[in-house]
Amino acid sequence: MPDQNSTSNEKPQNKKPRIGCLGVGWIGRHRMERVIDSGAAEVVAVCDPNKEAIDEALEAAPNAEVAGSLDWMLGMDLDAVMIATPSAMHAEQAIRALNADKAVFCQKPLARNAEETHRVVSAAKEVDRLLGVDFSYRHTEAMQQIAPLIESGELGDIYAVDLVFHNAYGPDKDWFYDVERAGGGCLIDLGIHLVDLAMWALDWPEVTGVQGCCMADGKPLDPQSPQVEDYATACVNLGDSVVDLSCSWRLSAGRDCVIEAAFYGTEGGAKLRNVDGSFYDFVAERYDGTSTEVLCEPPDAWGGRAASAWAEQLAEDGSYDPTIEKAVEVAKVVDRIYGR
């Protein structure tokens, strides 16, 4: 007898979800490959205007159909769509996929601002479909080591958090420098990762204050400027914690990048930091006065874990997960840093 409690979003046992990948440039292809490697889902369609990107995607998913458009893809027998397109397209594409009864995994940012983000989340809730966003730094082994120290109270009361993300190069695509297509510059590209990381690690305390400053070419930017920022700094009050953030493109930091998230409490501290300017290699350290304990070191293949975790959840139950509503709270903080 069929299970009377089952829903249309639950997959039959042993049947993998069928996924279409919209946008298979480097980041989209990498997330696609990690989902394939997880064994949780089957990639059956790919779509991208760049033929070279399609050819490389088909090397990983040789049986996938090449779809000519999102509409083409939504007409296929799919359970979900993974989106890795320019930021301005995220909200509209995600809502269209959700309204076509497809679950969605989207590159960050989920949308260009809090209002758009809320619309996407509301669409997922209305149709009862799983929605995920690629806040990947939560899934580093370094943060998986640090987060329990914060949650358990071993570091005491966290009163200060220092967040840094400097990229010495900046993006190589024109749309990143168009505020209408990107939603902003280095803050929404890089800083949003660390805003999410701090709010998640501290278990989503109330936001009691936000101050921010955005700059371009060494000069302050007006919030209404059509130019995107290449440097941003902010002070965010999360409950009793003071969070300081700085992020940039093309800053002269003496290395390819600087990525750090340090949490200081009344009983000790802990930090995630990148190694030798790497974008991918991280250590976690625990501090007690002047002593340092290394909690984990590279290697750590963390980059696609958010996508594979979403695919595994999709395979179990593709219905709406209300934890995605926290993405709206992150977007609200980013909006306030921008002065919107």
Protein backbone atom coordinates (compact mmCIF):
# COMPACT_ATOMS: atom_id res chain seq x y z
CA MET A 1 0.00 0.00 0.00
CA PRO A 2 1.39 3.46 -0.84
CA ASP A 3 2.55 5.59 2.07
CA GLN A 4 -0.37 7.92 2.83
CA ASN A 5 2.08 10.50 4.21
CA SER A 6 4.20 10.72 1.03
CA THR A 7 4.21 13.88 -1.07
CA SER A 8 4.79 14.60 -4.74
CA ASN A 9 8.22 16.01 -3.88
CA GLU A 10 9.57 12.77 -2.44
CA LYS A 11 11.55 10.69 -4.94
CA PRO A 12 10.81 6.99 -5.40
CA GLN A 13 13.41 4.82 -3.73
CA ASN A 14 16.56 4.31 -5.84
CA LYS A 15 15.49 6.95 -8.40
CA LYS A 16 18.02 9.76 -8.59
CA PRO A 17 16.81 13.32 -9.12
CA ARG A 18 17.29 14.59 -12.67
CA ILE A 19 19.08 17.94 -12.81
CA GLY A 20 19.60 20.54 -15.50
CA CYS A 21 22.57 22.93 -15.22
CA LEU A 22 21.95 26.47 -16.44
CA GLY A 23 25.35 28.09 -16.89
CA VAL A 24 28.36 25.78 -17.04
CA GLY A 25 31.30 28.15 -16.98
CA TRP A 26 34.06 27.38 -14.47
CA ILE A 27 32.00 27.72 -11.30
CA GLY A 28 28.86 26.11 -12.74
CA ARG A 29 30.81 23.20 -14.18
CA HIS A 30 32.71 22.68 -10.93
CA ARG A 31 29.48 22.50 -8.90
CA MET A 32 27.96 20.21 -11.50
CA GLU A 33 30.94 17.86 -11.28
CA ARG A 34 30.73 17.71 -7.49
CA VAL A 35 27.05 16.78 -7.68
CA ILE A 36 27.90 14.03 -10.16
CA ASP A 37 30.73 12.81 -7.92
CA SER A 38 28.36 12.68 -4.94
CA GLY A 39 26.18 10.13 -6.73
CA ALA A 40 23.10 11.83 -5.31
CA ALA A 41 21.69 13.07 -8.62
CA GLU A 42 21.93 12.69 -12.38
CA VAL A 43 22.79 15.63 -14.66
CA VAL A 44 20.62 15.23 -17.75
CA ALA A 45 20.78 18.70 -19.32
CA VAL A 46 23.23 21.57 -19.70
CA CYS A 47 22.71 25.07 -21.10
CA ASP A 48 25.23 27.81 -21.82
CA PRO A 49 25.75 30.24 -24.72
CA ASN A 50 29.48 29.40 -24.78
CA LYS A 51 30.23 26.30 -26.89
CA GLU A 52 33.57 25.70 -25.18
CA ALA A 53 31.83 25.64 -21.80
CA ILE A 54 29.27 23.17 -23.14
CA ASP A 55 31.99 20.91 -24.56
CA GLU A 56 33.82 20.84 -21.22
CA ALA A 57 30.57 20.17 -19.33
CA LEU A 58 29.78 17.24 -21.63
CA GLU A 59 33.09 15.66 -20.74
CA ALA A 60 31.76 15.28 -17.19
CA ALA A 61 28.15 14.54 -18.21
CA PRO A 62 28.42 12.91 -21.65
CA ASN A 63 24.78 11.78 -21.74
CA ALA A 64 23.34 15.19 -20.93
CA GLU A 65 21.14 16.91 -23.48
CA VAL A 66 22.24 20.36 -24.64
CA ALA A 67 19.31 22.67 -24.02
CA GLY A 68 19.07 25.86 -26.05
CA SER A 69 17.40 27.93 -23.36
CA LEU A 70 15.91 27.87 -19.88
CA ASP A 71 12.45 27.39 -21.43
CA TRP A 72 13.77 24.36 -23.30
CA MET A 73 15.19 22.99 -20.06
CA LEU A 74 11.98 23.60 -18.10
CA GLY A 75 10.07 21.61 -20.71
CA MET A 76 12.20 18.55 -19.97
CA ASP A 77 11.58 15.83 -17.40
CA LEU A 78 13.68 17.46 -14.65
CA ASP A 79 13.44 17.56 -10.88
CA ALA A 80 15.75 20.52 -10.38
CA VAL A 81 17.82 23.29 -11.99
CA MET A 82 21.26 24.49 -10.90
CA ILE A 83 21.85 28.14 -11.82
CA ALA A 84 25.28 29.70 -12.41
CA THR A 85 24.57 32.74 -14.56
CA PRO A 86 25.18 36.50 -14.11
CA SER A 87 23.64 37.78 -10.88
CA ALA A 88 20.93 39.90 -12.50
CA MET A 89 19.41 36.74 -13.97
CA HIS A 90 19.32 34.70 -10.75
CA ALA A 91 16.02 35.85 -9.29
CA GLU A 92 14.00 35.71 -12.50
CA GLN A 93 15.47 32.37 -13.58
CA ALA A 94 15.05 30.81 -10.13
CA ILE A 95 11.41 31.93 -9.89
CA ARG A 96 10.65 30.57 -13.36
CA ALA A 97 12.20 27.22 -12.47
CA LEU A 98 10.35 27.05 -9.14
CA ASN A 99 7.04 27.92 -10.80
CA ALA A 100 7.71 25.07 -13.21
CA ASP A 101 7.88 22.76 -10.14
CA LYS A 102 11.68 22.40 -10.17
CA ALA A 103 13.89 22.60 -7.12
CA VAL A 104 16.71 25.16 -7.45
CA PHE A 105 20.33 25.52 -6.42
CA CYS A 106 21.72 28.96 -7.22
CA GLN A 107 25.11 30.58 -7.13
CA LYS A 108 25.44 33.43 -4.69
CA PRO A 109 24.08 35.99 -4.56
CA LEU A 110 20.61 34.46 -4.80
CA ALA A 111 19.53 37.90 -6.03
CA ARG A 112 20.83 41.47 -6.26
CA ASN A 113 19.10 42.76 -3.13
CA ALA A 114 16.87 41.74 -0.23
CA GLU A 115 13.61 42.45 -2.06
CA GLU A 116 14.54 40.16 -4.95
CA THR A 117 15.85 37.53 -2.54
CA HIS A 118 12.56 37.58 -0.64
CA ARG A 119 10.64 37.06 -3.88
CA VAL A 120 12.69 33.98 -4.75
CA VAL A 121 12.31 32.49 -1.28
CA SER A 122 8.57 33.22 -1.30
CA ALA A 123 8.23 31.45 -4.66
CA ALA A 124 9.97 28.36 -3.28
CA LYS A 125 7.71 28.36 -0.22
CA GLU A 126 4.57 28.79 -2.30
CA VAL A 127 5.33 25.80 -4.55
CA ASP A 128 6.94 23.75 -1.75
CA ARG A 129 10.21 23.15 -3.57
CA LEU A 130 13.75 22.93 -2.21
CA LEU A 131 15.85 26.06 -2.72
CA GLY A 132 19.58 26.27 -2.00
CA VAL A 133 22.30 28.89 -2.44
CA ASP A 134 26.03 28.37 -2.74
CA PHE A 135 27.32 29.80 0.55
CA SER A 136 30.24 27.40 0.30
CA TYR A 137 32.55 28.63 3.07
CA ARG A 138 30.27 27.15 5.72
CA HIS A 139 31.31 23.78 4.34
CA THR A 140 35.07 24.16 4.72
CA GLU A 141 36.59 21.75 7.20
CA ALA A 142 38.03 24.78 8.96
CA MET A 143 34.58 26.20 9.72
CA GLN A 144 33.25 22.75 10.57
CA GLN A 145 35.93 22.68 13.27
CA ILE A 146 35.29 26.23 14.51
CA ALA A 147 31.49 26.31 14.54
CA PRO A 148 31.09 23.66 17.29
CA LEU A 149 33.51 25.61 19.53
CA ILE A 150 31.25 28.64 19.21
CA GLU A 151 28.02 26.66 19.62
CA SER A 152 29.24 24.75 22.69
CA GLY A 153 30.42 27.90 24.45
CA GLU A 154 34.02 26.67 24.65
CA LEU A 155 35.21 30.06 23.43
CA GLY A 156 32.95 31.83 25.90
CA ASP A 157 30.77 34.70 24.75
CA ILE A 158 31.80 35.81 21.26
CA TYR A 159 32.17 39.56 21.40
CA ALA A 160 34.28 40.31 18.30
CA VAL A 161 34.46 38.89 14.78
CA ASP A 162 36.98 40.04 12.15
CA LEU A 163 36.18 39.20 8.52
CA VAL A 164 38.57 39.83 5.61
CA PHE A 165 38.33 38.91 1.92
CA HIS A 166 40.78 40.65 -0.42
CA ASN A 167 41.14 39.40 -4.01
CA ALA A 168 44.21 40.84 -5.71
CA TYR A 169 42.76 40.36 -9.19
CA GLY A 170 39.04 40.98 -9.33
CA PRO A 171 36.56 39.38 -11.75
CA ASP A 172 37.36 38.82 -15.42
CA LYS A 173 33.81 39.25 -16.76
CA ASP A 174 32.40 42.66 -17.75
CA TRP A 175 29.05 42.13 -16.06
CA PHE A 176 30.65 42.12 -12.60
CA TYR A 177 31.38 45.84 -13.08
CA ASP A 178 27.81 46.76 -14.04
CA VAL A 179 25.71 47.51 -10.93
CA GLU A 180 22.48 46.61 -12.74
CA ARG A 181 23.77 43.19 -13.76
CA ALA A 182 25.79 42.40 -10.63
CA GLY A 183 23.92 44.18 -7.84
CA GLY A 184 27.19 45.67 -6.59
CA GLY A 185 30.91 45.03 -6.57
CA CYS A 186 33.28 43.27 -4.19
CA LEU A 187 30.80 43.31 -1.29
CA ILE A 188 28.14 41.26 -3.05
CA ASP A 189 30.82 39.17 -4.77
CA LEU A 190 33.09 38.40 -1.81
CA GLY A 191 31.88 40.04 1.38
CA ILE A 192 28.46 38.39 1.27
CA HIS A 193 30.16 35.02 1.85
CA LEU A 194 31.64 36.23 5.13
CA VAL A 195 28.49 38.05 6.26
CA ASP A 196 26.65 34.75 5.85
CA LEU A 197 29.45 32.86 7.58
CA ALA A 198 29.40 35.08 10.67
CA MET A 199 25.61 35.13 10.98
CA TRP A 200 25.45 31.35 10.55
CA ALA A 201 28.30 30.63 13.01
CA LEU A 202 26.73 32.90 15.65
CA ASP A 203 23.33 31.23 15.13
CA TRP A 204 21.56 34.19 13.57
CA PRO A 205 21.51 36.79 16.36
CA GLU A 206 19.49 39.95 16.00
CA VAL A 207 21.06 42.61 13.78
CA THR A 208 21.10 45.73 15.93
CA GLY A 209 23.26 48.03 13.84
CA VAL A 210 25.00 48.31 10.47
CA GLN A 211 27.47 50.92 9.26
CA GLY A 212 29.25 50.65 5.95
CA CYS A 213 31.46 52.46 3.49
CA CYS A 214 32.02 51.55 -0.16
CA MET A 215 34.82 52.97 -2.30
CA ALA A 216 36.00 52.84 -5.90
CA ASP A 217 39.43 53.85 -7.11
CA GLY A 218 40.27 55.10 -3.63
CA LYS A 219 37.27 57.42 -3.28
CA PRO A 220 33.98 56.99 -1.37
CA LEU A 221 30.98 56.00 -3.48
CA ASP A 222 27.54 57.52 -3.19
CA PRO A 223 24.93 54.75 -2.57
CA GLN A 224 23.16 55.83 -5.77
CA SER A 225 26.31 55.68 -7.92
CA PRO A 226 26.15 53.47 -11.05
CA GLN A 227 29.76 52.49 -10.37
CA VAL A 228 30.48 49.33 -8.37
CA GLU A 229 32.79 49.35 -5.37
CA ASP A 230 36.24 47.76 -5.35
CA TYR A 231 36.64 48.19 -1.57
CA ALA A 232 34.05 47.91 1.18
CA THR A 233 34.23 48.04 4.94
CA ALA A 234 31.47 47.58 7.51
CA CYS A 235 30.74 47.28 11.20
CA VAL A 236 27.75 45.05 11.98
CA ASN A 237 26.29 44.52 15.44
CA LEU A 238 24.99 40.96 15.78
CA GLY A 239 23.48 40.61 19.23
CA ASP A 240 26.34 41.33 21.64
CA SER A 241 29.00 40.71 18.98
CA VAL A 242 30.74 43.40 16.96
CA VAL A 243 31.59 42.21 13.44
CA ASP A 244 34.16 44.09 11.37
CA LEU A 245 34.30 43.33 7.65
CA SER A 246 36.63 44.45 4.88
CA CYS A 247 36.69 43.13 1.32
CA SER A 248 38.16 44.26 -1.97
CA TRP A 249 39.18 43.62 -5.53
CA ARG A 250 42.72 44.47 -6.69
CA LEU A 251 44.02 45.50 -3.25
CA SER A 252 47.82 45.40 -2.91
CA ALA A 253 47.97 42.80 -0.13
CA GLY A 254 51.24 41.16 -1.15
CA ARG A 255 49.57 37.91 -2.20
CA ASP A 256 46.81 36.57 -4.43
CA CYS A 257 44.17 36.87 -1.75
CA VAL A 258 43.54 37.20 1.98
CA ILE A 259 40.58 35.31 3.43
CA GLU A 260 40.04 35.27 7.19
CA ALA A 261 37.21 34.84 9.67
CA ALA A 262 38.32 35.26 13.29
CA PHE A 263 36.02 34.78 16.28
CA TYR A 264 37.10 36.15 19.66
CA GLY A 265 35.35 35.14 22.86
CA THR A 266 35.75 35.63 26.60
CA GLU A 267 37.39 32.17 26.87
CA GLY A 268 39.49 32.08 23.71
CA GLY A 269 39.49 32.58 19.98
CA ALA A 270 39.46 30.71 16.67
CA LYS A 271 40.27 31.66 13.11
CA LEU A 272 39.77 30.36 9.60
CA ARG A 273 42.53 31.69 7.36
CA ASN A 274 43.85 30.92 3.92
CA VAL A 275 47.37 29.60 3.42
CA ASP A 276 50.03 31.47 1.42
CA GLY A 277 47.50 33.52 -0.53
CA SER A 278 45.56 30.47 -1.74
CA PHE A 279 41.91 30.79 -2.73
CA TYR A 280 41.32 27.16 -1.76
CA ASP A 281 43.59 26.08 1.13
CA PHE A 282 42.53 26.91 4.69
CA VAL A 283 43.64 26.18 8.21
CA ALA A 284 41.63 26.47 11.40
CA GLU A 285 43.40 27.65 14.53
CA ARG A 286 42.28 27.87 18.15
CA TYR A 287 43.79 30.52 20.40
CA ASP A 288 44.23 30.53 24.18
CA GLY A 289 46.12 33.62 25.24
CA THR A 290 49.42 33.44 23.35
CA SER A 291 49.14 29.75 22.44
CA THR A 292 47.89 28.39 19.12
CA GLU A 293 46.40 24.98 18.38
CA VAL A 294 45.99 23.95 14.74
CA LEU A 295 42.61 22.27 14.30
CA CYS A 296 42.88 21.32 10.64
CA GLU A 297 45.07 21.88 7.59
CA PRO A 298 44.83 21.37 3.82
CA PRO A 299 44.02 19.53 1.69
CA ASP A 300 40.26 19.92 1.86
CA ALA A 301 38.03 19.59 -1.22
CA TRP A 302 35.34 21.90 0.12
CA GLY A 303 34.34 23.86 -2.97
CA GLY A 304 31.35 21.82 -4.09
CA ARG A 305 30.03 20.65 -0.74
CA ALA A 306 27.13 23.10 -0.63
CA ALA A 307 25.95 21.81 -4.02
CA SER A 308 26.39 18.14 -3.16
CA ALA A 309 24.65 18.64 0.22
CA TRP A 310 21.71 20.23 -1.61
CA ALA A 311 21.62 17.33 -4.09
CA GLU A 312 21.63 14.81 -1.25
CA GLN A 313 18.78 16.66 0.45
CA LEU A 314 16.93 16.77 -2.88
CA ALA A 315 17.29 13.00 -3.21
CA GLU A 316 15.72 12.52 0.22
CA ASP A 317 12.97 15.12 0.00
CA GLY A 318 12.71 17.95 -2.49
CA SER A 319 10.20 19.98 -0.49
CA TYR A 320 10.72 23.49 0.87
CA ASP A 321 13.32 23.92 3.60
CA PRO A 322 12.65 27.07 5.67
CA THR A 323 16.34 27.51 6.54
CA ILE A 324 16.70 29.24 3.15
CA GLU A 325 14.84 32.19 4.67
CA LYS A 326 18.11 33.16 6.35
CA ALA A 327 19.38 34.19 2.92
CA VAL A 328 16.95 37.11 3.12
CA GLU A 329 18.50 38.20 6.44
CA VAL A 330 21.98 38.12 4.89
CA ALA A 331 20.75 40.17 1.93
CA LYS A 332 19.21 42.74 4.28
CA VAL A 333 22.57 43.26 6.01
CA VAL A 334 24.32 43.65 2.64
CA ASP A 335 21.69 46.18 1.56
CA ARG A 336 22.28 48.18 4.75
CA ILE A 337 26.05 48.19 4.16
CA TYR A 338 25.34 49.60 0.71
CA GLY A 339 23.06 52.23 2.26
CA ARG A 340 20.02 51.05 0.31
